[in-house]
N, C-alpha and C. Protein backbone atom coordinates (compact mmCIF):
# COMPACT_ATOMS: atom_id res chain seq x y z
N UNK A 1 -53.82 15.53 -32.70
CA UNK A 1 -52.96 14.87 -31.72
C UNK A 1 -51.80 14.17 -32.42
N UNK A 2 -52.04 13.56 -33.58
CA UNK A 2 -50.98 12.90 -34.34
C UNK A 2 -49.92 13.89 -34.77
N UNK A 3 -50.33 15.13 -35.09
CA UNK A 3 -49.36 16.15 -35.49
C UNK A 3 -48.45 16.53 -34.34
N UNK A 4 -48.99 16.55 -33.11
CA UNK A 4 -48.19 16.89 -31.94
C UNK A 4 -47.12 15.84 -31.68
N UNK A 5 -47.46 14.57 -31.88
CA UNK A 5 -46.48 13.51 -31.66
C UNK A 5 -45.35 13.61 -32.69
N UNK A 6 -45.71 13.80 -33.95
CA UNK A 6 -44.67 13.90 -34.97
C UNK A 6 -43.84 15.16 -34.76
N UNK A 7 -44.45 16.24 -34.28
CA UNK A 7 -43.71 17.46 -33.99
C UNK A 7 -42.75 17.24 -32.82
N UNK A 8 -43.24 16.59 -31.75
CA UNK A 8 -42.36 16.34 -30.61
C UNK A 8 -41.25 15.38 -30.99
N UNK A 9 -41.54 14.40 -31.84
CA UNK A 9 -40.49 13.48 -32.29
C UNK A 9 -39.46 14.22 -33.13
N UNK A 10 -39.93 15.15 -33.97
CA UNK A 10 -39.00 15.92 -34.80
C UNK A 10 -38.14 16.84 -33.94
N UNK A 11 -38.72 17.40 -32.91
CA UNK A 11 -37.97 18.29 -32.02
C UNK A 11 -36.96 17.48 -31.20
N UNK A 12 -37.34 16.27 -30.78
CA UNK A 12 -36.47 15.46 -29.95
C UNK A 12 -35.35 14.81 -30.76
N UNK A 13 -35.52 14.68 -32.07
CA UNK A 13 -34.55 13.98 -32.89
C UNK A 13 -33.13 14.55 -32.78
N UNK A 14 -32.94 15.87 -32.87
CA UNK A 14 -31.57 16.38 -32.76
C UNK A 14 -30.93 16.10 -31.40
N UNK A 15 -31.74 15.97 -30.36
CA UNK A 15 -31.19 15.68 -29.04
C UNK A 15 -30.66 14.25 -28.99
N UNK A 16 -31.31 13.34 -29.72
CA UNK A 16 -30.90 11.94 -29.70
C UNK A 16 -29.63 11.73 -30.52
N UNK A 17 -29.51 12.40 -31.65
CA UNK A 17 -28.35 12.23 -32.50
C UNK A 17 -27.36 13.34 -32.17
N UNK A 18 -26.27 12.96 -31.51
CA UNK A 18 -25.26 13.92 -31.10
C UNK A 18 -23.92 13.52 -31.70
N UNK A 19 -23.29 14.43 -32.38
CA UNK A 19 -21.99 14.15 -32.98
C UNK A 19 -20.95 13.73 -31.94
N UNK A 20 -20.89 14.39 -30.75
CA UNK A 20 -19.87 13.97 -29.78
C UNK A 20 -20.02 12.51 -29.36
N UNK A 21 -21.27 12.01 -29.27
CA UNK A 21 -21.43 10.62 -28.85
C UNK A 21 -20.90 9.67 -29.93
N UNK A 22 -21.04 10.05 -31.21
CA UNK A 22 -20.49 9.22 -32.27
C UNK A 22 -18.97 9.22 -32.21
N UNK A 23 -18.37 10.38 -31.97
CA UNK A 23 -16.92 10.46 -31.82
C UNK A 23 -16.48 9.65 -30.60
N UNK A 24 -17.24 9.72 -29.54
CA UNK A 24 -16.87 8.98 -28.34
C UNK A 24 -16.95 7.48 -28.60
N UNK A 25 -17.93 7.05 -29.37
CA UNK A 25 -18.03 5.61 -29.69
C UNK A 25 -16.76 5.13 -30.38
N UNK A 26 -16.28 5.92 -31.33
CA UNK A 26 -15.04 5.54 -32.02
C UNK A 26 -13.88 5.49 -31.03
N UNK A 27 -13.80 6.49 -30.19
CA UNK A 27 -12.76 6.55 -29.16
C UNK A 27 -12.87 5.35 -28.23
N UNK A 28 -14.08 5.06 -27.78
CA UNK A 28 -14.34 3.95 -26.88
C UNK A 28 -13.89 2.63 -27.52
N UNK A 29 -14.32 2.41 -28.75
CA UNK A 29 -13.98 1.15 -29.43
C UNK A 29 -12.48 1.01 -29.64
N UNK A 30 -11.79 2.13 -29.88
CA UNK A 30 -10.35 2.08 -30.11
C UNK A 30 -9.56 1.89 -28.83
N UNK A 31 -10.06 2.40 -27.69
CA UNK A 31 -9.25 2.45 -26.47
C UNK A 31 -9.68 1.53 -25.34
N UNK A 32 -10.92 1.07 -25.34
CA UNK A 32 -11.44 0.32 -24.20
C UNK A 32 -10.60 -0.92 -23.89
N UNK A 33 -10.40 -1.75 -24.88
CA UNK A 33 -9.68 -3.01 -24.65
C UNK A 33 -8.23 -2.75 -24.27
N UNK A 34 -7.60 -1.79 -24.94
CA UNK A 34 -6.20 -1.48 -24.64
C UNK A 34 -6.04 -0.96 -23.21
N UNK A 35 -6.94 -0.08 -22.78
CA UNK A 35 -6.89 0.42 -21.40
C UNK A 35 -7.12 -0.73 -20.42
N UNK A 36 -8.06 -1.60 -20.72
CA UNK A 36 -8.34 -2.75 -19.86
C UNK A 36 -7.11 -3.64 -19.69
N UNK A 37 -6.39 -3.87 -20.78
CA UNK A 37 -5.18 -4.70 -20.70
C UNK A 37 -4.11 -4.01 -19.85
N UNK A 38 -3.95 -2.71 -20.03
CA UNK A 38 -2.95 -1.97 -19.25
C UNK A 38 -3.30 -2.01 -17.76
N UNK A 39 -4.57 -1.84 -17.45
CA UNK A 39 -4.97 -1.87 -16.05
C UNK A 39 -4.88 -3.27 -15.46
N UNK A 40 -5.05 -4.28 -16.29
CA UNK A 40 -4.87 -5.65 -15.80
C UNK A 40 -3.41 -5.88 -15.40
N UNK A 41 -2.50 -5.38 -16.21
CA UNK A 41 -1.08 -5.51 -15.88
C UNK A 41 -0.79 -4.78 -14.57
N UNK A 42 -1.41 -3.63 -14.39
CA UNK A 42 -1.20 -2.83 -13.17
C UNK A 42 -1.80 -3.50 -11.94
N UNK A 43 -3.04 -3.96 -12.05
CA UNK A 43 -3.75 -4.47 -10.88
C UNK A 43 -3.59 -5.97 -10.66
N UNK A 44 -3.36 -6.72 -11.73
CA UNK A 44 -3.28 -8.17 -11.62
C UNK A 44 -4.63 -8.83 -11.42
N UNK A 45 -5.70 -8.06 -11.58
CA UNK A 45 -7.05 -8.58 -11.37
C UNK A 45 -7.95 -8.19 -12.55
N UNK A 46 -8.55 -9.19 -13.14
CA UNK A 46 -9.46 -8.90 -14.26
C UNK A 46 -10.66 -8.07 -13.79
N UNK A 47 -11.22 -8.43 -12.66
CA UNK A 47 -12.40 -7.71 -12.16
C UNK A 47 -12.05 -6.26 -11.86
N UNK A 48 -10.93 -6.05 -11.19
CA UNK A 48 -10.51 -4.68 -10.85
C UNK A 48 -10.21 -3.88 -12.10
N UNK A 49 -9.52 -4.49 -13.06
CA UNK A 49 -9.18 -3.76 -14.28
C UNK A 49 -10.43 -3.42 -15.08
N UNK A 50 -11.37 -4.32 -15.14
CA UNK A 50 -12.63 -4.07 -15.84
C UNK A 50 -13.40 -2.95 -15.17
N UNK A 51 -13.46 -2.98 -13.86
CA UNK A 51 -14.14 -1.95 -13.09
C UNK A 51 -13.52 -0.57 -13.33
N UNK A 52 -12.20 -0.51 -13.25
CA UNK A 52 -11.50 0.75 -13.45
C UNK A 52 -11.66 1.25 -14.89
N UNK A 53 -11.60 0.35 -15.85
CA UNK A 53 -11.76 0.72 -17.25
C UNK A 53 -13.14 1.32 -17.49
N UNK A 54 -14.16 0.67 -16.96
CA UNK A 54 -15.52 1.18 -17.13
C UNK A 54 -15.68 2.54 -16.48
N UNK A 55 -15.18 2.69 -15.26
CA UNK A 55 -15.31 3.95 -14.54
C UNK A 55 -14.56 5.08 -15.25
N UNK A 56 -13.36 4.79 -15.75
CA UNK A 56 -12.58 5.80 -16.47
C UNK A 56 -13.32 6.22 -17.75
N UNK A 57 -13.87 5.27 -18.46
CA UNK A 57 -14.61 5.59 -19.68
C UNK A 57 -15.84 6.44 -19.38
N UNK A 58 -16.52 6.13 -18.29
CA UNK A 58 -17.69 6.92 -17.90
C UNK A 58 -17.27 8.35 -17.60
N UNK A 59 -16.18 8.51 -16.86
CA UNK A 59 -15.70 9.85 -16.51
C UNK A 59 -15.32 10.64 -17.76
N UNK A 60 -14.66 9.98 -18.70
CA UNK A 60 -14.28 10.65 -19.94
C UNK A 60 -15.53 11.01 -20.74
N UNK A 61 -16.48 10.10 -20.79
CA UNK A 61 -17.72 10.38 -21.52
C UNK A 61 -18.45 11.59 -20.95
N UNK A 62 -18.48 11.68 -19.62
CA UNK A 62 -19.16 12.80 -18.98
C UNK A 62 -18.52 14.14 -19.34
N UNK A 63 -17.24 14.13 -19.69
CA UNK A 63 -16.52 15.36 -20.02
C UNK A 63 -16.11 15.39 -21.49
N UNK A 64 -16.74 14.55 -22.30
CA UNK A 64 -16.31 14.36 -23.67
C UNK A 64 -16.26 15.65 -24.49
N UNK A 65 -17.18 16.56 -24.28
CA UNK A 65 -17.17 17.82 -25.02
C UNK A 65 -15.85 18.55 -24.86
N UNK A 66 -15.27 18.49 -23.69
CA UNK A 66 -13.98 19.15 -23.41
C UNK A 66 -12.82 18.23 -23.77
N UNK A 67 -12.96 16.95 -23.45
CA UNK A 67 -11.86 16.00 -23.64
C UNK A 67 -11.53 15.83 -25.11
N UNK A 68 -12.53 15.77 -25.96
CA UNK A 68 -12.26 15.51 -27.38
C UNK A 68 -11.47 16.61 -28.05
N UNK A 69 -11.44 17.80 -27.45
CA UNK A 69 -10.67 18.90 -28.02
C UNK A 69 -9.25 19.00 -27.44
N UNK A 70 -8.93 18.14 -26.49
CA UNK A 70 -7.60 18.15 -25.88
C UNK A 70 -6.56 17.65 -26.87
N UNK A 71 -5.30 17.99 -26.58
CA UNK A 71 -4.20 17.49 -27.41
C UNK A 71 -4.12 15.97 -27.34
N UNK A 72 -4.41 15.41 -26.16
CA UNK A 72 -4.29 13.96 -26.00
C UNK A 72 -5.46 13.41 -25.18
N UNK A 73 -6.59 13.15 -25.82
CA UNK A 73 -7.70 12.52 -25.09
C UNK A 73 -7.31 11.17 -24.51
N UNK A 74 -6.41 10.45 -25.17
CA UNK A 74 -5.96 9.15 -24.67
C UNK A 74 -5.17 9.35 -23.37
N UNK A 75 -4.33 10.36 -23.34
CA UNK A 75 -3.59 10.66 -22.12
C UNK A 75 -4.52 11.00 -20.98
N UNK A 76 -5.57 11.76 -21.27
CA UNK A 76 -6.55 12.10 -20.25
C UNK A 76 -7.25 10.85 -19.73
N UNK A 77 -7.58 9.93 -20.64
CA UNK A 77 -8.22 8.67 -20.25
C UNK A 77 -7.31 7.88 -19.31
N UNK A 78 -6.05 7.73 -19.65
CA UNK A 78 -5.13 6.96 -18.82
C UNK A 78 -4.86 7.65 -17.49
N UNK A 79 -4.75 8.97 -17.51
CA UNK A 79 -4.56 9.71 -16.25
C UNK A 79 -5.78 9.54 -15.35
N UNK A 80 -6.97 9.57 -15.93
CA UNK A 80 -8.20 9.36 -15.17
C UNK A 80 -8.21 7.97 -14.56
N UNK A 81 -7.84 6.97 -15.34
CA UNK A 81 -7.81 5.59 -14.83
C UNK A 81 -6.80 5.45 -13.70
N UNK A 82 -5.63 6.04 -13.84
CA UNK A 82 -4.61 5.96 -12.79
C UNK A 82 -5.08 6.67 -11.52
N UNK A 83 -5.71 7.82 -11.68
CA UNK A 83 -6.23 8.54 -10.51
C UNK A 83 -7.30 7.73 -9.79
N UNK A 84 -8.16 7.08 -10.54
CA UNK A 84 -9.17 6.21 -9.94
C UNK A 84 -8.51 5.07 -9.17
N UNK A 85 -7.49 4.49 -9.76
CA UNK A 85 -6.78 3.39 -9.11
C UNK A 85 -6.12 3.87 -7.81
N UNK A 86 -5.47 5.01 -7.86
CA UNK A 86 -4.83 5.55 -6.66
C UNK A 86 -5.86 5.85 -5.58
N UNK A 87 -6.99 6.39 -5.97
CA UNK A 87 -8.05 6.69 -5.00
C UNK A 87 -8.55 5.42 -4.33
N UNK A 88 -8.70 4.37 -5.11
CA UNK A 88 -9.14 3.10 -4.53
C UNK A 88 -8.10 2.56 -3.56
N UNK A 89 -6.84 2.69 -3.91
CA UNK A 89 -5.79 2.23 -3.00
C UNK A 89 -5.80 3.03 -1.70
N UNK A 90 -5.99 4.34 -1.81
CA UNK A 90 -6.04 5.17 -0.59
C UNK A 90 -7.22 4.75 0.29
N UNK A 91 -8.39 4.57 -0.32
CA UNK A 91 -9.56 4.16 0.47
C UNK A 91 -9.34 2.80 1.10
N UNK A 92 -8.73 1.89 0.36
CA UNK A 92 -8.43 0.56 0.89
C UNK A 92 -7.46 0.67 2.06
N UNK A 93 -6.46 1.53 1.93
CA UNK A 93 -5.50 1.74 3.00
C UNK A 93 -6.16 2.28 4.26
N UNK A 94 -7.07 3.22 4.09
CA UNK A 94 -7.79 3.79 5.24
C UNK A 94 -8.62 2.71 5.93
N UNK A 95 -9.34 1.91 5.13
CA UNK A 95 -10.15 0.84 5.71
C UNK A 95 -9.28 -0.18 6.43
N UNK A 96 -8.15 -0.52 5.83
CA UNK A 96 -7.25 -1.50 6.46
C UNK A 96 -6.70 -0.95 7.76
N UNK A 97 -6.31 0.31 7.74
CA UNK A 97 -5.75 0.91 8.95
C UNK A 97 -6.81 0.94 10.05
N UNK A 98 -8.03 1.29 9.70
CA UNK A 98 -9.10 1.32 10.71
C UNK A 98 -9.35 -0.08 11.28
N UNK A 99 -9.32 -1.07 10.41
CA UNK A 99 -9.55 -2.44 10.87
C UNK A 99 -8.42 -2.89 11.79
N UNK A 100 -7.20 -2.56 11.43
CA UNK A 100 -6.05 -2.94 12.26
C UNK A 100 -6.14 -2.25 13.61
N UNK A 101 -6.43 -0.98 13.60
CA UNK A 101 -6.51 -0.23 14.86
C UNK A 101 -7.69 -0.69 15.71
N UNK A 102 -8.78 -1.03 15.09
CA UNK A 102 -9.94 -1.51 15.85
C UNK A 102 -9.63 -2.83 16.54
N UNK A 103 -8.84 -3.67 15.89
CA UNK A 103 -8.45 -4.95 16.50
C UNK A 103 -7.53 -4.75 17.70
N UNK A 104 -6.71 -3.72 17.67
CA UNK A 104 -5.74 -3.52 18.75
C UNK A 104 -6.37 -2.95 20.02
N UNK A 105 -7.41 -2.14 19.87
CA UNK A 105 -8.01 -1.46 21.02
C UNK A 105 -9.54 -1.53 20.99
N UNK A 106 -10.09 -2.73 20.97
CA UNK A 106 -11.54 -2.83 20.82
C UNK A 106 -12.32 -2.33 22.04
N UNK A 107 -11.73 -2.40 23.24
CA UNK A 107 -12.48 -2.05 24.45
C UNK A 107 -12.26 -0.62 24.93
N UNK A 108 -11.32 0.09 24.37
CA UNK A 108 -11.00 1.43 24.84
C UNK A 108 -11.04 2.42 23.68
N UNK A 109 -12.20 3.02 23.41
CA UNK A 109 -12.33 3.94 22.28
C UNK A 109 -11.37 5.14 22.36
N UNK A 110 -11.14 5.65 23.56
CA UNK A 110 -10.24 6.79 23.71
C UNK A 110 -8.81 6.41 23.32
N UNK A 111 -8.37 5.25 23.75
CA UNK A 111 -7.04 4.78 23.39
C UNK A 111 -6.93 4.55 21.89
N UNK A 112 -8.00 4.03 21.28
CA UNK A 112 -8.00 3.81 19.83
C UNK A 112 -7.86 5.13 19.08
N UNK A 113 -8.57 6.16 19.54
CA UNK A 113 -8.48 7.48 18.90
C UNK A 113 -7.07 8.04 19.04
N UNK A 114 -6.51 7.93 20.23
CA UNK A 114 -5.16 8.42 20.46
C UNK A 114 -4.15 7.68 19.57
N UNK A 115 -4.28 6.36 19.51
CA UNK A 115 -3.37 5.56 18.69
C UNK A 115 -3.52 5.90 17.21
N UNK A 116 -4.75 6.03 16.75
CA UNK A 116 -5.01 6.37 15.34
C UNK A 116 -4.41 7.73 15.00
N UNK A 117 -4.56 8.70 15.92
CA UNK A 117 -3.99 10.02 15.71
C UNK A 117 -2.47 9.96 15.62
N UNK A 118 -1.89 9.15 16.48
CA UNK A 118 -0.43 8.99 16.48
C UNK A 118 0.05 8.37 15.17
N UNK A 119 -0.64 7.36 14.71
CA UNK A 119 -0.29 6.71 13.44
C UNK A 119 -0.45 7.70 12.29
N UNK A 120 -1.54 8.45 12.30
CA UNK A 120 -1.75 9.45 11.25
C UNK A 120 -0.62 10.47 11.20
N UNK A 121 -0.21 10.96 12.37
CA UNK A 121 0.87 11.94 12.42
C UNK A 121 2.19 11.34 11.94
N UNK A 122 2.46 10.13 12.35
CA UNK A 122 3.70 9.47 11.91
C UNK A 122 3.71 9.25 10.40
N UNK A 123 2.60 8.79 9.86
CA UNK A 123 2.52 8.58 8.42
C UNK A 123 2.60 9.89 7.65
N UNK A 124 1.95 10.93 8.17
CA UNK A 124 1.97 12.23 7.50
C UNK A 124 3.37 12.83 7.47
N UNK A 125 4.22 12.46 8.43
CA UNK A 125 5.58 12.99 8.48
C UNK A 125 6.49 12.34 7.44
N UNK A 126 6.06 11.22 6.87
CA UNK A 126 6.87 10.54 5.86
C UNK A 126 6.71 11.22 4.50
N UNK A 127 7.75 11.20 3.70
CA UNK A 127 7.58 11.64 2.31
C UNK A 127 6.54 10.75 1.63
N UNK A 128 5.82 11.28 0.69
CA UNK A 128 4.72 10.55 0.06
C UNK A 128 5.18 9.23 -0.54
N UNK A 129 6.34 9.20 -1.16
CA UNK A 129 6.81 7.97 -1.80
C UNK A 129 7.05 6.87 -0.78
N UNK A 130 7.59 7.24 0.39
CA UNK A 130 7.82 6.26 1.45
C UNK A 130 6.50 5.82 2.06
N UNK A 131 5.58 6.76 2.24
CA UNK A 131 4.27 6.44 2.81
C UNK A 131 3.51 5.47 1.89
N UNK A 132 3.57 5.69 0.58
CA UNK A 132 2.90 4.79 -0.37
C UNK A 132 3.44 3.36 -0.23
N UNK A 133 4.75 3.23 -0.22
CA UNK A 133 5.36 1.90 -0.11
C UNK A 133 4.99 1.24 1.21
N UNK A 134 5.03 2.00 2.29
CA UNK A 134 4.71 1.46 3.61
C UNK A 134 3.26 0.97 3.69
N UNK A 135 2.34 1.76 3.18
CA UNK A 135 0.92 1.38 3.23
C UNK A 135 0.68 0.13 2.39
N UNK A 136 1.23 0.11 1.18
CA UNK A 136 0.98 -1.03 0.30
C UNK A 136 1.56 -2.33 0.87
N UNK A 137 2.77 -2.24 1.41
CA UNK A 137 3.44 -3.46 1.87
C UNK A 137 3.04 -3.83 3.30
N UNK A 138 3.11 -2.87 4.21
CA UNK A 138 2.86 -3.18 5.62
C UNK A 138 1.38 -3.28 5.97
N UNK A 139 0.60 -2.32 5.53
CA UNK A 139 -0.82 -2.33 5.91
C UNK A 139 -1.66 -3.23 5.01
N UNK A 140 -1.34 -3.26 3.72
CA UNK A 140 -2.15 -4.07 2.81
C UNK A 140 -1.56 -5.44 2.53
N UNK A 141 -0.34 -5.67 3.01
CA UNK A 141 0.26 -7.00 2.89
C UNK A 141 0.73 -7.37 1.50
N UNK A 142 0.98 -6.39 0.66
CA UNK A 142 1.46 -6.70 -0.69
C UNK A 142 2.95 -7.02 -0.65
N UNK A 143 3.40 -7.74 -1.66
CA UNK A 143 4.83 -7.97 -1.81
C UNK A 143 5.45 -6.72 -2.43
N UNK A 144 6.77 -6.63 -2.38
CA UNK A 144 7.41 -5.47 -2.99
C UNK A 144 7.21 -5.47 -4.51
N UNK A 145 7.05 -6.65 -5.10
CA UNK A 145 6.79 -6.74 -6.54
C UNK A 145 5.40 -6.19 -6.88
N UNK A 146 4.40 -6.55 -6.07
CA UNK A 146 3.05 -6.03 -6.30
C UNK A 146 3.00 -4.52 -6.11
N UNK A 147 3.62 -4.05 -5.05
CA UNK A 147 3.66 -2.60 -4.80
C UNK A 147 4.40 -1.88 -5.91
N UNK A 148 5.46 -2.47 -6.40
CA UNK A 148 6.24 -1.86 -7.49
C UNK A 148 5.39 -1.70 -8.74
N UNK A 149 4.59 -2.73 -9.04
CA UNK A 149 3.70 -2.65 -10.20
C UNK A 149 2.72 -1.49 -10.05
N UNK A 150 2.16 -1.33 -8.88
CA UNK A 150 1.19 -0.27 -8.65
C UNK A 150 1.84 1.11 -8.71
N UNK A 151 3.02 1.22 -8.11
CA UNK A 151 3.72 2.50 -8.06
C UNK A 151 4.53 2.79 -9.33
N UNK A 152 4.59 1.79 -10.21
CA UNK A 152 5.32 1.91 -11.47
C UNK A 152 6.80 2.20 -11.24
N UNK A 153 7.39 1.44 -10.33
CA UNK A 153 8.81 1.52 -10.04
C UNK A 153 9.36 0.10 -9.92
N UNK A 154 10.65 -0.01 -9.74
CA UNK A 154 11.28 -1.32 -9.57
C UNK A 154 11.06 -1.84 -8.15
N UNK A 155 10.96 -3.16 -7.97
CA UNK A 155 10.80 -3.72 -6.62
C UNK A 155 11.90 -3.29 -5.66
N UNK A 156 13.13 -3.16 -6.15
CA UNK A 156 14.22 -2.73 -5.28
C UNK A 156 13.95 -1.31 -4.76
N UNK A 157 13.32 -0.48 -5.56
CA UNK A 157 12.99 0.88 -5.13
C UNK A 157 11.94 0.86 -4.02
N UNK A 158 11.01 -0.07 -4.10
CA UNK A 158 10.02 -0.22 -3.03
C UNK A 158 10.73 -0.60 -1.74
N UNK A 159 11.64 -1.56 -1.83
CA UNK A 159 12.36 -2.00 -0.63
C UNK A 159 13.21 -0.87 -0.03
N UNK A 160 13.81 -0.04 -0.87
CA UNK A 160 14.59 1.10 -0.38
C UNK A 160 13.67 2.09 0.33
N UNK A 161 12.52 2.37 -0.29
CA UNK A 161 11.56 3.29 0.34
C UNK A 161 11.07 2.75 1.67
N UNK A 162 10.82 1.45 1.73
CA UNK A 162 10.38 0.84 2.98
C UNK A 162 11.45 0.97 4.06
N UNK A 163 12.67 0.69 3.69
CA UNK A 163 13.77 0.78 4.65
C UNK A 163 13.89 2.19 5.19
N UNK A 164 13.82 3.17 4.32
CA UNK A 164 13.92 4.57 4.76
C UNK A 164 12.72 4.96 5.62
N UNK A 165 11.54 4.50 5.24
CA UNK A 165 10.34 4.82 6.02
C UNK A 165 10.43 4.23 7.41
N UNK A 166 10.85 2.97 7.49
CA UNK A 166 10.98 2.32 8.80
C UNK A 166 12.02 3.03 9.66
N UNK A 167 13.14 3.40 9.07
CA UNK A 167 14.18 4.11 9.83
C UNK A 167 13.64 5.45 10.33
N UNK A 168 12.93 6.14 9.48
CA UNK A 168 12.34 7.43 9.86
C UNK A 168 11.35 7.25 11.01
N UNK A 169 10.51 6.23 10.91
CA UNK A 169 9.52 5.98 11.96
C UNK A 169 10.20 5.58 13.27
N UNK A 170 11.23 4.76 13.18
CA UNK A 170 11.96 4.37 14.40
C UNK A 170 12.54 5.60 15.10
N UNK A 171 13.14 6.49 14.32
CA UNK A 171 13.71 7.71 14.91
C UNK A 171 12.62 8.55 15.57
N UNK A 172 11.47 8.68 14.92
CA UNK A 172 10.38 9.49 15.48
C UNK A 172 9.82 8.87 16.74
N UNK A 173 9.64 7.54 16.74
CA UNK A 173 9.07 6.87 17.90
C UNK A 173 10.04 6.90 19.06
N UNK A 174 11.32 6.67 18.81
CA UNK A 174 12.32 6.72 19.87
C UNK A 174 12.40 8.12 20.45
N UNK A 175 12.37 9.15 19.60
CA UNK A 175 12.42 10.54 20.06
C UNK A 175 11.18 10.86 20.89
N UNK A 176 10.02 10.39 20.46
CA UNK A 176 8.77 10.67 21.19
C UNK A 176 8.74 9.95 22.54
N UNK A 177 9.30 8.74 22.60
CA UNK A 177 9.30 7.97 23.83
C UNK A 177 10.38 8.43 24.81
N UNK A 178 11.29 9.21 24.33
CA UNK A 178 12.31 9.76 25.22
C UNK A 178 13.52 8.95 25.13
């Protein structure tokens, strides 16, 4: 029985010691703090930046066999973190929109569905850049400076996008109302 344990331990040993995990540790130690600082500048929240940093590192680790052979594993890490951040913003926007719409029509579910569909169509008709600015500022209540940080543009560009989005929406609503 003792021989079987030592045999199973010997067989399991190569599975425990993996070269990619050692390479990933070096990568992790070199990039974790720097990514966290960059995400803090982007989000303005230590908790959010820590959460995004951890999630991005987990995603990279899960694909490390492929990522470590890329021309820029660091670029992949940052792109992963940015995609996670954008996904969270989209989910937050959807939740905020649902909450806003639920407050407007709590007693009439059919009217709420109709209104939500109308809002969805109006937002979908906007160029993505204008829609991003509108959601961040109008639905989520961010300042143009906060939205600019997230979108990685100047605050004046956010305000221009908002102005164009509002003008576009006014034209669509006026046209629809007759």
